[in-house]
Amino acid sequence: MVDEVGAWRTYGERLVYDNRWVQLALVDVQAPNGNRWEYHVVHLARIAIALVVNDRDEALMLWRYRFATKQWGYELLGGLVDDGEDSAATAAREAAEESGWQPTGEGKHLVSFEPLPGQVTAPMDVYLWRGAEHIGDPTDTEEVGRVEWVPLSRVNELAQRQELLGSGTLVALLYYLNSHKA
């Protein structure tokens, strides 16, 4: 809201780079102190994430390598929401493609968030399933790794060792554990 104390005003935006995965824009902004300039903003596509938890309190994850950060670690399954596709359907589809496990039942919306709101728009939607059926080998040949059911009791240890990759994984797991306390 523009009338809130500390609100920034925007006067327009122009794209300087645009493709399916990322857009770079210059946004004409005015800070609360009255200074005005063009601010760089990165717009990323919406991501849908599947948190699949089985009856043994294990989460379905992929142990994989991320070249941009040069890290190995665990990630929840998910990907870009295609135009016209529902986020929950994306999360279920990506889980099956990346792991060979099809989430069963209807996904429950767990949480949505923006991981870097100061300079990046990157909407993330997390859906929860309480089980999955093994349907075969993973079919997504780009998202390869070792598929594992990881005990939720290991989340804090893995986070401390920086082996939970990405805010989508970390936020989803910590939110789930916090909201499902006994």
C-alpha atoms as a PDB file:
ATOM      1  CA  MET A   1       0.000   0.000   0.000  1.00  0.00           C
ATOM      2  CA  VAL A   2       1.396   3.368  -1.013  1.00  0.00           C
ATOM      3  CA  ASP A   3       0.056   5.129   2.092  1.00  0.00           C
ATOM      4  CA  GLU A   4       1.892   2.828   4.509  1.00  0.00           C
ATOM      5  CA  VAL A   5       4.961   4.270   6.257  1.00  0.00           C
ATOM      6  CA  GLY A   6       8.036   3.021   4.416  1.00  0.00           C
ATOM      7  CA  ALA A   7       6.201   2.181   1.182  1.00  0.00           C
ATOM      8  CA  TRP A   8       8.034   2.549  -2.120  1.00  0.00           C
ATOM      9  CA  ARG A   9       6.370   4.066  -5.191  1.00  0.00           C
ATOM     10  CA  THR A  10       6.744   2.574  -8.647  1.00  0.00           C
ATOM     11  CA  TYR A  11       6.350   4.595 -11.842  1.00  0.00           C
ATOM     12  CA  GLY A  12       6.848   1.925 -14.462  1.00  0.00           C
ATOM     13  CA  GLU A  13       8.967  -0.986 -15.537  1.00  0.00           C
ATOM     14  CA  ARG A  14      10.882  -1.874 -18.680  1.00  0.00           C
ATOM     15  CA  LEU A  15      12.209  -5.312 -19.571  1.00  0.00           C
ATOM     16  CA  VAL A  16      15.859  -5.482 -20.605  1.00  0.00           C
ATOM     17  CA  TYR A  17      15.965  -9.298 -20.922  1.00  0.00           C
ATOM     18  CA  ASP A  18      13.096 -11.733 -21.354  1.00  0.00           C
ATOM     19  CA  ASN A  19      12.780 -15.498 -21.828  1.00  0.00           C
ATOM     20  CA  ARG A  20      10.711 -18.371 -20.439  1.00  0.00           C
ATOM     21  CA  TRP A  21      12.759 -18.785 -17.256  1.00  0.00           C
ATOM     22  CA  VAL A  22      13.924 -15.313 -16.319  1.00  0.00           C
ATOM     23  CA  GLN A  23      13.196 -11.657 -16.972  1.00  0.00           C
ATOM     24  CA  LEU A  24      15.394  -8.749 -15.988  1.00  0.00           C
ATOM     25  CA  ALA A  25      13.608  -5.437 -15.561  1.00  0.00           C
ATOM     26  CA  LEU A  26      14.493  -1.897 -14.634  1.00  0.00           C
ATOM     27  CA  VAL A  27      11.788  -0.496 -12.383  1.00  0.00           C
ATOM     28  CA  ASP A  28      11.417   3.250 -11.921  1.00  0.00           C
ATOM     29  CA  VAL A  29      11.077   3.536  -8.131  1.00  0.00           C
ATOM     30  CA  GLN A  30      10.992   6.158  -5.436  1.00  0.00           C
ATOM     31  CA  ALA A  31      12.254   5.128  -2.005  1.00  0.00           C
ATOM     32  CA  PRO A  32      10.569   6.375   1.189  1.00  0.00           C
ATOM     33  CA  ASN A  33      13.329   9.001   1.557  1.00  0.00           C
ATOM     34  CA  GLY A  34      12.270  10.591  -1.770  1.00  0.00           C
ATOM     35  CA  ASN A  35      15.198   9.361  -3.877  1.00  0.00           C
ATOM     36  CA  ARG A  36      14.163   8.065  -7.293  1.00  0.00           C
ATOM     37  CA  TRP A  37      16.083   5.744  -9.674  1.00  0.00           C
ATOM     38  CA  GLU A  38      15.855   2.638 -11.853  1.00  0.00           C
ATOM     39  CA  TYR A  39      16.102  -0.503  -9.716  1.00  0.00           C
ATOM     40  CA  HIS A  40      17.084  -3.900 -11.129  1.00  0.00           C
ATOM     41  CA  VAL A  41      14.453  -6.592 -10.540  1.00  0.00           C
ATOM     42  CA  VAL A  42      14.683 -10.220 -11.604  1.00  0.00           C
ATOM     43  CA  HIS A  43      11.400 -12.000 -12.331  1.00  0.00           C
ATOM     44  CA  LEU A  44      11.483 -15.812 -12.184  1.00  0.00           C
ATOM     45  CA  ALA A  45       8.700 -18.174 -13.204  1.00  0.00           C
ATOM     46  CA  ARG A  46       6.306 -19.671 -10.616  1.00  0.00           C
ATOM     47  CA  ILE A  47       7.600 -22.908  -9.073  1.00  0.00           C
ATOM     48  CA  ALA A  48       5.438 -25.681  -7.608  1.00  0.00           C
ATOM     49  CA  ILE A  49       6.971 -28.033  -5.037  1.00  0.00           C
ATOM     50  CA  ALA A  50       5.753 -31.430  -3.859  1.00  0.00           C
ATOM     51  CA  LEU A  51       6.313 -32.415  -0.246  1.00  0.00           C
ATOM     52  CA  VAL A  52       5.425 -36.099  -0.166  1.00  0.00           C
ATOM     53  CA  VAL A  53       5.465 -37.614   3.321  1.00  0.00           C
ATOM     54  CA  ASN A  54       4.903 -41.326   3.922  1.00  0.00           C
ATOM     55  CA  ASP A  55       3.517 -43.097   6.990  1.00  0.00           C
ATOM     56  CA  ARG A  56       7.068 -43.559   8.368  1.00  0.00           C
ATOM     57  CA  ASP A  57       7.564 -39.745   8.564  1.00  0.00           C
ATOM     58  CA  GLU A  58       9.930 -39.682   5.601  1.00  0.00           C
ATOM     59  CA  ALA A  59       9.947 -37.107   2.811  1.00  0.00           C
ATOM     60  CA  LEU A  60      10.531 -38.036  -0.821  1.00  0.00           C
ATOM     61  CA  MET A  61      13.638 -36.165  -2.002  1.00  0.00           C
ATOM     62  CA  LEU A  62      16.267 -36.141  -4.688  1.00  0.00           C
ATOM     63  CA  TRP A  63      19.996 -36.098  -3.815  1.00  0.00           C
ATOM     64  CA  ARG A  64      21.511 -34.097  -6.652  1.00  0.00           C
ATOM     65  CA  TYR A  65      24.129 -31.606  -7.792  1.00  0.00           C
ATOM     66  CA  ARG A  66      23.441 -27.915  -8.496  1.00  0.00           C
ATOM     67  CA  PHE A  67      26.133 -26.439 -10.731  1.00  0.00           C
ATOM     68  CA  ALA A  68      25.300 -22.761 -10.076  1.00  0.00           C
ATOM     69  CA  THR A  69      26.205 -23.104  -6.379  1.00  0.00           C
ATOM     70  CA  LYS A  70      28.538 -26.103  -6.817  1.00  0.00           C
ATOM     71  CA  GLN A  71      26.620 -28.055  -4.168  1.00  0.00           C
ATOM     72  CA  TRP A  72      25.385 -31.575  -3.597  1.00  0.00           C
ATOM     73  CA  GLY A  73      22.319 -31.947  -1.446  1.00  0.00           C
ATOM     74  CA  TYR A  74      18.691 -32.947  -1.032  1.00  0.00           C
ATOM     75  CA  GLU A  75      15.818 -31.215  -2.788  1.00  0.00           C
ATOM     76  CA  LEU A  76      12.106 -31.688  -2.749  1.00  0.00           C
ATOM     77  CA  LEU A  77      10.600 -32.407  -6.153  1.00  0.00           C
ATOM     78  CA  GLY A  78       9.055 -29.701  -8.290  1.00  0.00           C
ATOM     79  CA  GLY A  79       9.446 -27.350 -11.201  1.00  0.00           C
ATOM     80  CA  LEU A  80       8.138 -24.550 -13.376  1.00  0.00           C
ATOM     81  CA  VAL A  81       4.387 -24.123 -13.619  1.00  0.00           C
ATOM     82  CA  ASP A  82       3.445 -24.288 -17.305  1.00  0.00           C
ATOM     83  CA  ASP A  83       1.077 -21.673 -18.748  1.00  0.00           C
ATOM     84  CA  GLY A  84      -2.479 -22.688 -17.908  1.00  0.00           C
ATOM     85  CA  GLU A  85      -1.381 -25.461 -15.528  1.00  0.00           C
ATOM     86  CA  ASP A  86      -2.518 -25.594 -11.918  1.00  0.00           C
ATOM     87  CA  SER A  87       0.345 -25.415  -9.373  1.00  0.00           C
ATOM     88  CA  ALA A  88      -0.765 -28.581  -7.568  1.00  0.00           C
ATOM     89  CA  ALA A  89      -0.889 -30.471 -10.880  1.00  0.00           C
ATOM     90  CA  THR A  90       2.619 -29.225 -11.689  1.00  0.00           C
ATOM     91  CA  ALA A  91       3.962 -30.373  -8.327  1.00  0.00           C
ATOM     92  CA  ALA A  92       2.436 -33.852  -8.754  1.00  0.00           C
ATOM     93  CA  ARG A  93       3.639 -34.156 -12.372  1.00  0.00           C
ATOM     94  CA  GLU A  94       7.169 -33.039 -11.521  1.00  0.00           C
ATOM     95  CA  ALA A  95       7.341 -35.425  -8.555  1.00  0.00           C
ATOM     96  CA  ALA A  96       6.442 -38.365 -10.791  1.00  0.00           C
ATOM     97  CA  GLU A  97       8.805 -37.322 -13.597  1.00  0.00           C
ATOM     98  CA  GLU A  98      11.765 -36.673 -11.293  1.00  0.00           C
ATOM     99  CA  SER A  99      11.357 -39.624  -8.919  1.00  0.00           C
ATOM    100  CA  GLY A 100       9.165 -42.327 -10.452  1.00  0.00           C
ATOM    101  CA  TRP A 101       6.754 -41.906  -7.505  1.00  0.00           C
ATOM    102  CA  GLN A 102       3.259 -40.551  -8.230  1.00  0.00           C
ATOM    103  CA  PRO A 103       1.729 -38.652  -5.293  1.00  0.00           C
ATOM    104  CA  THR A 104      -1.572 -40.216  -4.264  1.00  0.00           C
ATOM    105  CA  GLY A 105      -4.748 -38.353  -3.470  1.00  0.00           C
ATOM    106  CA  GLU A 106      -5.253 -34.640  -3.695  1.00  0.00           C
ATOM    107  CA  GLY A 107      -2.397 -32.315  -2.772  1.00  0.00           C
ATOM    108  CA  LYS A 108      -3.046 -29.941   0.111  1.00  0.00           C
ATOM    109  CA  HIS A 109      -1.712 -26.407  -0.284  1.00  0.00           C
ATOM    110  CA  LEU A 110       0.867 -26.022   2.469  1.00  0.00           C
ATOM    111  CA  VAL A 111       2.436 -22.583   1.926  1.00  0.00           C
ATOM    112  CA  SER A 112       3.298 -20.023  -0.759  1.00  0.00           C
ATOM    113  CA  PHE A 113       6.158 -17.567  -0.454  1.00  0.00           C
ATOM    114  CA  GLU A 114       8.638 -15.260  -2.171  1.00  0.00           C
ATOM    115  CA  PRO A 115      12.220 -16.190  -1.184  1.00  0.00           C
ATOM    116  CA  LEU A 116      14.009 -12.925  -2.126  1.00  0.00           C
ATOM    117  CA  PRO A 117      11.427 -10.107  -2.183  1.00  0.00           C
ATOM    118  CA  GLY A 118      13.942  -7.256  -2.150  1.00  0.00           C
ATOM    119  CA  GLN A 119      15.116  -7.722  -5.721  1.00  0.00           C
ATOM    120  CA  VAL A 120      13.614 -10.935  -7.112  1.00  0.00           C
ATOM    121  CA  THR A 121      10.076 -12.139  -7.756  1.00  0.00           C
ATOM    122  CA  ALA A 122      10.093 -15.933  -7.558  1.00  0.00           C
ATOM    123  CA  PRO A 123       6.685 -17.214  -6.418  1.00  0.00           C
ATOM    124  CA  MET A 124       6.778 -20.678  -4.878  1.00  0.00           C
ATOM    125  CA  ASP A 125       3.811 -22.876  -4.006  1.00  0.00           C
ATOM    126  CA  VAL A 126       4.254 -25.965  -1.820  1.00  0.00           C
ATOM    127  CA  TYR A 127       1.756 -28.842  -1.763  1.00  0.00           C
ATOM    128  CA  LEU A 128       1.623 -31.747   0.660  1.00  0.00           C
ATOM    129  CA  TRP A 129       0.768 -35.356  -0.127  1.00  0.00           C
ATOM    130  CA  ARG A 130       0.641 -38.112   2.485  1.00  0.00           C
ATOM    131  CA  GLY A 131       1.826 -40.898   0.207  1.00  0.00           C
ATOM    132  CA  ALA A 132       2.882 -41.938  -3.265  1.00  0.00           C
ATOM    133  CA  GLU A 133       2.793 -44.967  -5.542  1.00  0.00           C
ATOM    134  CA  HIS A 134       5.955 -46.182  -7.271  1.00  0.00           C
ATOM    135  CA  ILE A 135       5.225 -46.105 -11.015  1.00  0.00           C
ATOM    136  CA  GLY A 136       8.682 -46.815 -12.431  1.00  0.00           C
ATOM    137  CA  ASP A 137      11.952 -45.078 -13.111  1.00  0.00           C
ATOM    138  CA  PRO A 138      12.202 -41.287 -13.306  1.00  0.00           C
ATOM    139  CA  THR A 139      11.470 -39.967 -16.806  1.00  0.00           C
ATOM    140  CA  ASP A 140      13.042 -36.501 -16.473  1.00  0.00           C
ATOM    141  CA  THR A 141      16.590 -37.026 -17.747  1.00  0.00           C
ATOM    142  CA  GLU A 142      17.770 -33.513 -16.769  1.00  0.00           C
ATOM    143  CA  GLU A 143      16.759 -33.723 -13.128  1.00  0.00           C
ATOM    144  CA  VAL A 144      18.771 -36.817 -12.277  1.00  0.00           C
ATOM    145  CA  GLY A 145      19.926 -37.880  -8.868  1.00  0.00           C
ATOM    146  CA  ARG A 146      19.371 -40.461  -6.187  1.00  0.00           C
ATOM    147  CA  VAL A 147      15.725 -40.715  -5.110  1.00  0.00           C
ATOM    148  CA  GLU A 148      15.380 -41.262  -1.363  1.00  0.00           C
ATOM    149  CA  TRP A 149      12.803 -41.300   1.393  1.00  0.00           C
ATOM    150  CA  VAL A 150      14.588 -39.119   3.965  1.00  0.00           C
ATOM    151  CA  PRO A 151      13.515 -39.252   7.631  1.00  0.00           C
ATOM    152  CA  LEU A 152      12.056 -35.916   8.731  1.00  0.00           C
ATOM    153  CA  SER A 153      14.018 -36.351  11.965  1.00  0.00           C
ATOM    154  CA  ARG A 154      17.146 -35.517   9.903  1.00  0.00           C
ATOM    155  CA  VAL A 155      15.920 -32.118   8.641  1.00  0.00           C
ATOM    156  CA  ASN A 156      17.730 -29.990  11.248  1.00  0.00           C
ATOM    157  CA  GLU A 157      20.976 -31.960  10.817  1.00  0.00           C
ATOM    158  CA  LEU A 158      20.811 -31.682   7.018  1.00  0.00           C
ATOM    159  CA  ALA A 159      20.025 -27.954   7.221  1.00  0.00           C
ATOM    160  CA  GLN A 160      22.981 -27.402   9.564  1.00  0.00           C
ATOM    161  CA  ARG A 161      25.268 -29.235   7.099  1.00  0.00           C
ATOM    162  CA  GLN A 162      23.829 -27.134   4.226  1.00  0.00           C
ATOM    163  CA  GLU A 163      22.590 -30.288   2.516  1.00  0.00           C
ATOM    164  CA  LEU A 164      19.050 -29.033   1.946  1.00  0.00           C
ATOM    165  CA  LEU A 165      19.243 -27.173  -1.349  1.00  0.00           C
ATOM    166  CA  GLY A 166      17.133 -24.135  -2.050  1.00  0.00           C
ATOM    167  CA  SER A 167      14.626 -22.124  -0.114  1.00  0.00           C
ATOM    168  CA  GLY A 168      11.766 -24.199  -1.539  1.00  0.00           C
ATOM    169  CA  THR A 169      13.085 -27.288   0.211  1.00  0.00           C
ATOM    170  CA  LEU A 170      14.098 -25.579   3.426  1.00  0.00           C
ATOM    171  CA  VAL A 171      10.963 -23.460   3.866  1.00  0.00           C
ATOM    172  CA  ALA A 172       8.645 -26.349   2.984  1.00  0.00           C
ATOM    173  CA  LEU A 173      10.252 -28.796   5.407  1.00  0.00           C
ATOM    174  CA  LEU A 174      10.577 -26.341   8.294  1.00  0.00           C
ATOM    175  CA  TYR A 175       7.019 -25.070   7.792  1.00  0.00           C
ATOM    176  CA  TYR A 176       5.678 -28.626   7.714  1.00  0.00           C
ATOM    177  CA  LEU A 177       7.591 -29.659  10.839  1.00  0.00           C
ATOM    178  CA  ASN A 178       6.528 -26.525  12.724  1.00  0.00           C
ATOM    179  CA  SER A 179       2.863 -26.894  11.771  1.00  0.00           C
ATOM    180  CA  HIS A 180       2.749 -30.628  12.579  1.00  0.00           C
ATOM    181  CA  LYS A 181       4.192 -30.519  16.103  1.00  0.00           C
ATOM    182  CA  ALA A 182       2.579 -32.853  18.576  1.00  0.00           C
END
